[in-house]
Amino acid sequence: MQRIAFLMKLKPGNEAEYLRRHAEIWPEMAATLKQAGIRNYNIFRNDLQLFAYLEVEDFKYMTEYLAQDPTAARWEESMKDLIEREVEPEHNFPALLPQMFHLD
């Protein structure tokens, strides 16, 4: 299992809308995330900074699956006005944060 952590940033004034959209996540988007192999996906907020954590068996499969999935593309399009999310060109995903410590 791979533990994946990355950062995003809310655009000012979008805090409530970002929370609302995730509280009402499309069922087909939740299914897409699971089909991509994602589990234990969490997003935390500190002011405008978003910290995301997820677990996946195969990061490469996950990124390739999400890159070709039409539901994921629609979700990303719907969120682009709310967040800043820079992606790394080699995997079309935000820069990964290195894990420094883990305790089960």
Protein backbone atom coordinates (compact mmCIF):
# COMPACT_ATOMS: atom_id res chain seq x y z
CA MET A 1 0.00 0.00 0.00
CA GLN A 2 1.18 3.50 -0.85
CA ARG A 3 0.39 6.46 1.36
CA ILE A 4 -0.09 9.59 -0.74
CA ALA A 5 -0.14 13.16 0.62
CA PHE A 6 -0.38 16.38 -1.34
CA LEU A 7 -1.37 20.04 -1.01
CA MET A 8 -3.93 22.22 -2.74
CA LYS A 9 -5.10 25.75 -2.04
CA LEU A 10 -8.61 27.16 -1.83
CA LYS A 11 -9.25 30.37 -3.65
CA PRO A 12 -10.40 33.00 -1.12
CA GLY A 13 -14.13 33.10 -0.45
CA ASN A 14 -14.77 29.50 -1.55
CA GLU A 15 -14.49 27.73 1.79
CA ALA A 16 -18.22 27.09 2.28
CA GLU A 17 -18.82 26.02 -1.32
CA TYR A 18 -15.85 23.62 -1.26
CA LEU A 19 -17.20 22.02 1.91
CA ARG A 20 -20.72 21.81 0.47
CA ARG A 21 -19.57 20.10 -2.71
CA HIS A 22 -17.65 17.48 -0.78
CA ALA A 23 -20.54 16.92 1.61
CA GLU A 24 -22.64 16.20 -1.47
CA ILE A 25 -19.99 14.38 -3.55
CA TRP A 26 -21.51 12.81 -6.63
CA PRO A 27 -22.07 9.09 -6.10
CA GLU A 28 -20.44 8.41 -9.46
CA MET A 29 -17.34 10.37 -8.38
CA ALA A 30 -17.05 8.38 -5.15
CA ALA A 31 -17.35 5.21 -7.26
CA THR A 32 -14.65 6.48 -9.65
CA LEU A 33 -12.25 7.10 -6.77
CA LYS A 34 -12.82 3.57 -5.49
CA GLN A 35 -12.42 2.09 -8.98
CA ALA A 36 -9.10 3.93 -9.24
CA GLY A 37 -8.03 2.00 -6.13
CA ILE A 38 -8.28 4.88 -3.67
CA ARG A 39 -9.24 4.27 -0.06
CA ASN A 40 -8.95 6.16 3.21
CA TYR A 41 -9.09 9.50 1.37
CA ASN A 42 -9.09 12.53 3.65
CA ILE A 43 -8.83 16.26 3.02
CA PHE A 44 -8.05 18.69 5.84
CA ARG A 45 -8.15 22.48 5.75
CA ASN A 46 -5.99 25.09 7.46
CA ASP A 47 -7.27 28.51 6.39
CA LEU A 48 -6.91 28.29 2.60
CA GLN A 49 -4.42 25.42 2.59
CA LEU A 50 -5.79 21.95 1.86
CA PHE A 51 -3.87 18.86 2.91
CA ALA A 52 -5.00 15.63 1.25
CA TYR A 53 -4.10 12.08 2.23
CA LEU A 54 -5.10 8.83 0.57
CA GLU A 55 -4.02 5.24 0.36
CA VAL A 56 -3.70 3.27 -2.88
CA GLU A 57 -2.11 0.01 -3.97
CA ASP A 58 -0.78 1.37 -7.26
CA PHE A 59 -0.25 5.12 -7.69
CA LYS A 60 0.56 4.78 -11.41
CA TYR A 61 -2.67 2.86 -12.06
CA MET A 62 -4.64 5.43 -10.04
CA THR A 63 -3.28 8.42 -11.97
CA GLU A 64 -3.77 6.73 -15.34
CA TYR A 65 -7.31 5.68 -14.43
CA LEU A 66 -8.29 9.16 -13.26
CA ALA A 67 -6.69 10.80 -16.32
CA GLN A 68 -8.96 8.85 -18.70
CA ASP A 69 -12.16 8.80 -16.63
CA PRO A 70 -14.93 11.17 -17.82
CA THR A 71 -16.46 11.52 -14.34
CA ALA A 72 -13.10 12.57 -12.88
CA ALA A 73 -12.70 15.09 -15.71
CA ARG A 74 -16.15 16.57 -14.98
CA TRP A 75 -15.34 16.78 -11.24
CA GLU A 76 -12.03 18.52 -11.89
CA GLU A 77 -13.76 20.97 -14.23
CA SER A 78 -16.40 21.72 -11.59
CA MET A 79 -13.73 22.36 -8.92
CA LYS A 80 -11.29 24.50 -10.90
CA ASP A 81 -12.96 27.76 -9.89
CA LEU A 82 -12.64 26.87 -6.19
CA ILE A 83 -9.08 25.56 -5.86
CA GLU A 84 -5.55 26.00 -7.11
CA ARG A 85 -4.04 22.65 -7.90
CA GLU A 86 -0.71 22.53 -9.67
CA VAL A 87 0.10 19.14 -11.13
CA GLU A 88 3.34 17.41 -12.03
CA PRO A 89 3.48 16.76 -15.79
CA GLU A 90 4.80 13.19 -15.50
CA HIS A 91 1.71 11.95 -13.65
CA ASN A 92 -0.83 14.80 -13.94
CA PHE A 93 -1.17 14.85 -10.15
CA PRO A 94 -0.02 17.35 -7.50
CA ALA A 95 3.51 17.05 -6.17
CA LEU A 96 3.66 14.32 -3.55
CA LEU A 97 4.78 15.12 -0.03
CA PRO A 98 7.49 12.78 1.25
CA GLN A 99 6.48 10.69 4.24
CA MET A 100 8.68 11.51 7.22
CA PHE A 101 7.13 9.27 9.87
CA HIS A 102 4.49 6.59 10.29
CA LEU A 103 3.13 4.77 13.34
CA ASP A 104 0.34 2.20 13.22
